[in-house]
């Protein structure tokens, strides 16, 4: 594999041009979104969050899931509060990367999306 320095440099330039330093990745299952999240976690300037709306989704949808009760006990269940925290909270690092699942948006006002730089991760079924 050749030198990827130019790619890293261009990636850094693109991120520096993003005026809103809150990046929200929207994915479905089996899209390697976790691998992408872990790559962002390697950046010293980036705070990473993994599916902050998952508790809300489980509570509102009633979806059965292994470990459901543990997740519900450990996460904020009010999706509107989660969104407010993500939009308004001051995080300790300059860049916030949030890995989300699109189906977790159940019963939420989606106008908050304009507060983020949104990335859609789509795969060929």
C-alpha atoms as a PDB file:
ATOM      1  CA  UNK A   1       0.000   0.000   0.000  1.00  0.00           C
ATOM      2  CA  UNK A   2       1.362   3.422  -0.933  1.00  0.00           C
ATOM      3  CA  UNK A   3       1.830   6.525   1.153  1.00  0.00           C
ATOM      4  CA  UNK A   4      -1.514   7.784   2.434  1.00  0.00           C
ATOM      5  CA  UNK A   5      -0.126  11.087   3.713  1.00  0.00           C
ATOM      6  CA  UNK A   6      -1.953  13.118   1.066  1.00  0.00           C
ATOM      7  CA  UNK A   7      -5.253  11.444   1.997  1.00  0.00           C
ATOM      8  CA  UNK A   8      -4.696  12.214   5.663  1.00  0.00           C
ATOM      9  CA  UNK A   9      -3.825  15.816   4.786  1.00  0.00           C
ATOM     10  CA  UNK A  10      -6.949  16.231   2.630  1.00  0.00           C
ATOM     11  CA  UNK A  11      -9.090  14.649   5.337  1.00  0.00           C
ATOM     12  CA  UNK A  12      -7.695  17.092   7.880  1.00  0.00           C
ATOM     13  CA  UNK A  13      -8.394  19.999   5.512  1.00  0.00           C
ATOM     14  CA  UNK A  14     -11.991  18.859   5.036  1.00  0.00           C
ATOM     15  CA  UNK A  15     -12.598  18.496   8.765  1.00  0.00           C
ATOM     16  CA  UNK A  16     -11.087  21.936   9.397  1.00  0.00           C
ATOM     17  CA  UNK A  17     -13.545  23.417   6.871  1.00  0.00           C
ATOM     18  CA  UNK A  18     -16.541  22.001   8.734  1.00  0.00           C
ATOM     19  CA  UNK A  19     -17.887  24.982  10.651  1.00  0.00           C
ATOM     20  CA  UNK A  20     -20.007  22.836  12.935  1.00  0.00           C
ATOM     21  CA  UNK A  21     -17.617  20.487  14.679  1.00  0.00           C
ATOM     22  CA  UNK A  22     -20.387  18.021  15.489  1.00  0.00           C
ATOM     23  CA  UNK A  23     -20.345  15.149  13.014  1.00  0.00           C
ATOM     24  CA  UNK A  24     -23.257  12.741  13.096  1.00  0.00           C
ATOM     25  CA  UNK A  25     -22.906   9.456  11.234  1.00  0.00           C
ATOM     26  CA  UNK A  26     -26.245   7.836  10.337  1.00  0.00           C
ATOM     27  CA  UNK A  27     -26.084   4.170   9.524  1.00  0.00           C
ATOM     28  CA  UNK A  28     -28.026   0.962   9.418  1.00  0.00           C
ATOM     29  CA  UNK A  29     -26.909  -2.396  10.759  1.00  0.00           C
ATOM     30  CA  UNK A  30     -23.922  -4.231   9.272  1.00  0.00           C
ATOM     31  CA  UNK A  31     -22.407  -1.127   7.656  1.00  0.00           C
ATOM     32  CA  UNK A  32     -19.021  -1.180   9.433  1.00  0.00           C
ATOM     33  CA  UNK A  33     -20.059   2.007  11.223  1.00  0.00           C
ATOM     34  CA  UNK A  34     -18.362   0.799  14.409  1.00  0.00           C
ATOM     35  CA  UNK A  35     -15.044   0.498  12.575  1.00  0.00           C
ATOM     36  CA  UNK A  36     -15.450   4.055  11.283  1.00  0.00           C
ATOM     37  CA  UNK A  37     -16.293   5.244  14.805  1.00  0.00           C
ATOM     38  CA  UNK A  38     -13.143   3.582  16.166  1.00  0.00           C
ATOM     39  CA  UNK A  39     -11.055   5.282  13.486  1.00  0.00           C
ATOM     40  CA  UNK A  40     -12.343   8.675  14.677  1.00  0.00           C
ATOM     41  CA  UNK A  41     -11.641   7.628  18.275  1.00  0.00           C
ATOM     42  CA  UNK A  42      -7.934   7.458  17.371  1.00  0.00           C
ATOM     43  CA  UNK A  43      -7.895  11.212  16.804  1.00  0.00           C
ATOM     44  CA  UNK A  44      -6.702  13.073  19.916  1.00  0.00           C
ATOM     45  CA  UNK A  45      -8.981  16.034  19.099  1.00  0.00           C
ATOM     46  CA  UNK A  46     -12.186  13.974  18.866  1.00  0.00           C
ATOM     47  CA  UNK A  47     -14.816  12.907  21.397  1.00  0.00           C
ATOM     48  CA  UNK A  48     -16.744   9.853  20.156  1.00  0.00           C
ATOM     49  CA  UNK A  49     -20.244   8.798  21.172  1.00  0.00           C
ATOM     50  CA  UNK A  50     -21.754   5.429  20.285  1.00  0.00           C
ATOM     51  CA  UNK A  51     -25.513   5.354  19.597  1.00  0.00           C
ATOM     52  CA  UNK A  52     -26.691   7.879  22.210  1.00  0.00           C
ATOM     53  CA  UNK A  53     -30.333   7.448  21.071  1.00  0.00           C
ATOM     54  CA  UNK A  54     -30.338   3.683  21.610  1.00  0.00           C
ATOM     55  CA  UNK A  55     -32.050   3.853  25.024  1.00  0.00           C
ATOM     56  CA  UNK A  56     -34.738   6.134  23.588  1.00  0.00           C
ATOM     57  CA  UNK A  57     -35.283   3.748  20.689  1.00  0.00           C
ATOM     58  CA  UNK A  58     -35.677   0.702  22.934  1.00  0.00           C
ATOM     59  CA  UNK A  59     -38.057   2.526  25.272  1.00  0.00           C
ATOM     60  CA  UNK A  60     -40.261   4.086  22.578  1.00  0.00           C
ATOM     61  CA  UNK A  61     -40.326   1.218  20.097  1.00  0.00           C
ATOM     62  CA  UNK A  62     -40.576  -1.640  22.571  1.00  0.00           C
ATOM     63  CA  UNK A  63     -38.145  -3.535  20.346  1.00  0.00           C
ATOM     64  CA  UNK A  64     -36.956  -6.775  21.908  1.00  0.00           C
ATOM     65  CA  UNK A  65     -33.210  -6.916  22.264  1.00  0.00           C
ATOM     66  CA  UNK A  66     -30.761  -8.941  24.350  1.00  0.00           C
ATOM     67  CA  UNK A  67     -29.657  -6.780  27.250  1.00  0.00           C
ATOM     68  CA  UNK A  68     -32.619  -4.433  26.746  1.00  0.00           C
ATOM     69  CA  UNK A  69     -33.245  -3.821  30.452  1.00  0.00           C
ATOM     70  CA  UNK A  70     -29.575  -3.094  31.149  1.00  0.00           C
ATOM     71  CA  UNK A  71     -29.472  -0.566  28.315  1.00  0.00           C
ATOM     72  CA  UNK A  72     -32.682   1.103  29.501  1.00  0.00           C
ATOM     73  CA  UNK A  73     -31.287   1.372  33.041  1.00  0.00           C
ATOM     74  CA  UNK A  74     -28.001   2.880  31.883  1.00  0.00           C
ATOM     75  CA  UNK A  75     -29.042   5.388  29.196  1.00  0.00           C
ATOM     76  CA  UNK A  76     -31.137   8.528  28.921  1.00  0.00           C
ATOM     77  CA  UNK A  77     -34.534   7.448  27.563  1.00  0.00           C
ATOM     78  CA  UNK A  78     -35.865  10.879  26.632  1.00  0.00           C
ATOM     79  CA  UNK A  79     -34.737  11.296  23.030  1.00  0.00           C
ATOM     80  CA  UNK A  80     -35.471  15.028  23.063  1.00  0.00           C
ATOM     81  CA  UNK A  81     -33.140  15.428  26.058  1.00  0.00           C
ATOM     82  CA  UNK A  82     -30.416  13.402  24.337  1.00  0.00           C
ATOM     83  CA  UNK A  83     -30.714  15.628  21.265  1.00  0.00           C
ATOM     84  CA  UNK A  84     -30.630  18.791  23.387  1.00  0.00           C
ATOM     85  CA  UNK A  85     -27.507  17.584  25.176  1.00  0.00           C
ATOM     86  CA  UNK A  86     -25.798  16.766  21.888  1.00  0.00           C
ATOM     87  CA  UNK A  87     -26.669  20.182  20.440  1.00  0.00           C
ATOM     88  CA  UNK A  88     -25.900  22.345  23.454  1.00  0.00           C
ATOM     89  CA  UNK A  89     -23.397  20.516  25.625  1.00  0.00           C
ATOM     90  CA  UNK A  90     -19.812  21.711  25.544  1.00  0.00           C
ATOM     91  CA  UNK A  91     -17.586  18.676  25.029  1.00  0.00           C
ATOM     92  CA  UNK A  92     -13.979  18.586  26.177  1.00  0.00           C
ATOM     93  CA  UNK A  93     -12.562  18.145  22.667  1.00  0.00           C
ATOM     94  CA  UNK A  94     -12.939  20.324  19.545  1.00  0.00           C
ATOM     95  CA  UNK A  95     -14.583  17.616  17.418  1.00  0.00           C
ATOM     96  CA  UNK A  96     -17.575  15.451  18.330  1.00  0.00           C
ATOM     97  CA  UNK A  97     -18.229  12.300  16.282  1.00  0.00           C
ATOM     98  CA  UNK A  98     -21.528  10.541  16.956  1.00  0.00           C
ATOM     99  CA  UNK A  99     -22.299   7.113  15.552  1.00  0.00           C
ATOM    100  CA  UNK A 100     -26.074   6.799  15.191  1.00  0.00           C
ATOM    101  CA  UNK A 101     -28.457   4.251  13.771  1.00  0.00           C
ATOM    102  CA  UNK A 102     -31.083   5.848  11.533  1.00  0.00           C
ATOM    103  CA  UNK A 103     -33.875   3.668  12.926  1.00  0.00           C
ATOM    104  CA  UNK A 104     -33.253   5.148  16.409  1.00  0.00           C
ATOM    105  CA  UNK A 105     -34.904   8.408  15.257  1.00  0.00           C
ATOM    106  CA  UNK A 106     -38.359   7.070  16.120  1.00  0.00           C
ATOM    107  CA  UNK A 107     -40.846   9.800  17.233  1.00  0.00           C
ATOM    108  CA  UNK A 108     -38.246  12.584  17.259  1.00  0.00           C
ATOM    109  CA  UNK A 109     -38.450  16.049  15.739  1.00  0.00           C
ATOM    110  CA  UNK A 110     -35.694  15.894  13.140  1.00  0.00           C
ATOM    111  CA  UNK A 111     -35.137  19.640  12.909  1.00  0.00           C
ATOM    112  CA  UNK A 112     -32.091  19.172  15.170  1.00  0.00           C
ATOM    113  CA  UNK A 113     -30.246  17.588  12.233  1.00  0.00           C
ATOM    114  CA  UNK A 114     -29.355  21.043  10.920  1.00  0.00           C
ATOM    115  CA  UNK A 115     -27.108  21.468  13.974  1.00  0.00           C
ATOM    116  CA  UNK A 116     -24.778  18.704  12.746  1.00  0.00           C
ATOM    117  CA  UNK A 117     -22.643  17.828   9.783  1.00  0.00           C
ATOM    118  CA  UNK A 118     -24.526  14.656   8.808  1.00  0.00           C
ATOM    119  CA  UNK A 119     -22.963  11.667   7.064  1.00  0.00           C
ATOM    120  CA  UNK A 120     -25.054   8.829   5.663  1.00  0.00           C
ATOM    121  CA  UNK A 121     -23.396   5.432   5.567  1.00  0.00           C
ATOM    122  CA  UNK A 122     -25.192   3.275   3.010  1.00  0.00           C
ATOM    123  CA  UNK A 123     -24.309  -0.174   1.735  1.00  0.00           C
ATOM    124  CA  UNK A 124     -25.493  -2.281  -1.155  1.00  0.00           C
ATOM    125  CA  UNK A 125     -28.003  -4.772   0.281  1.00  0.00           C
END
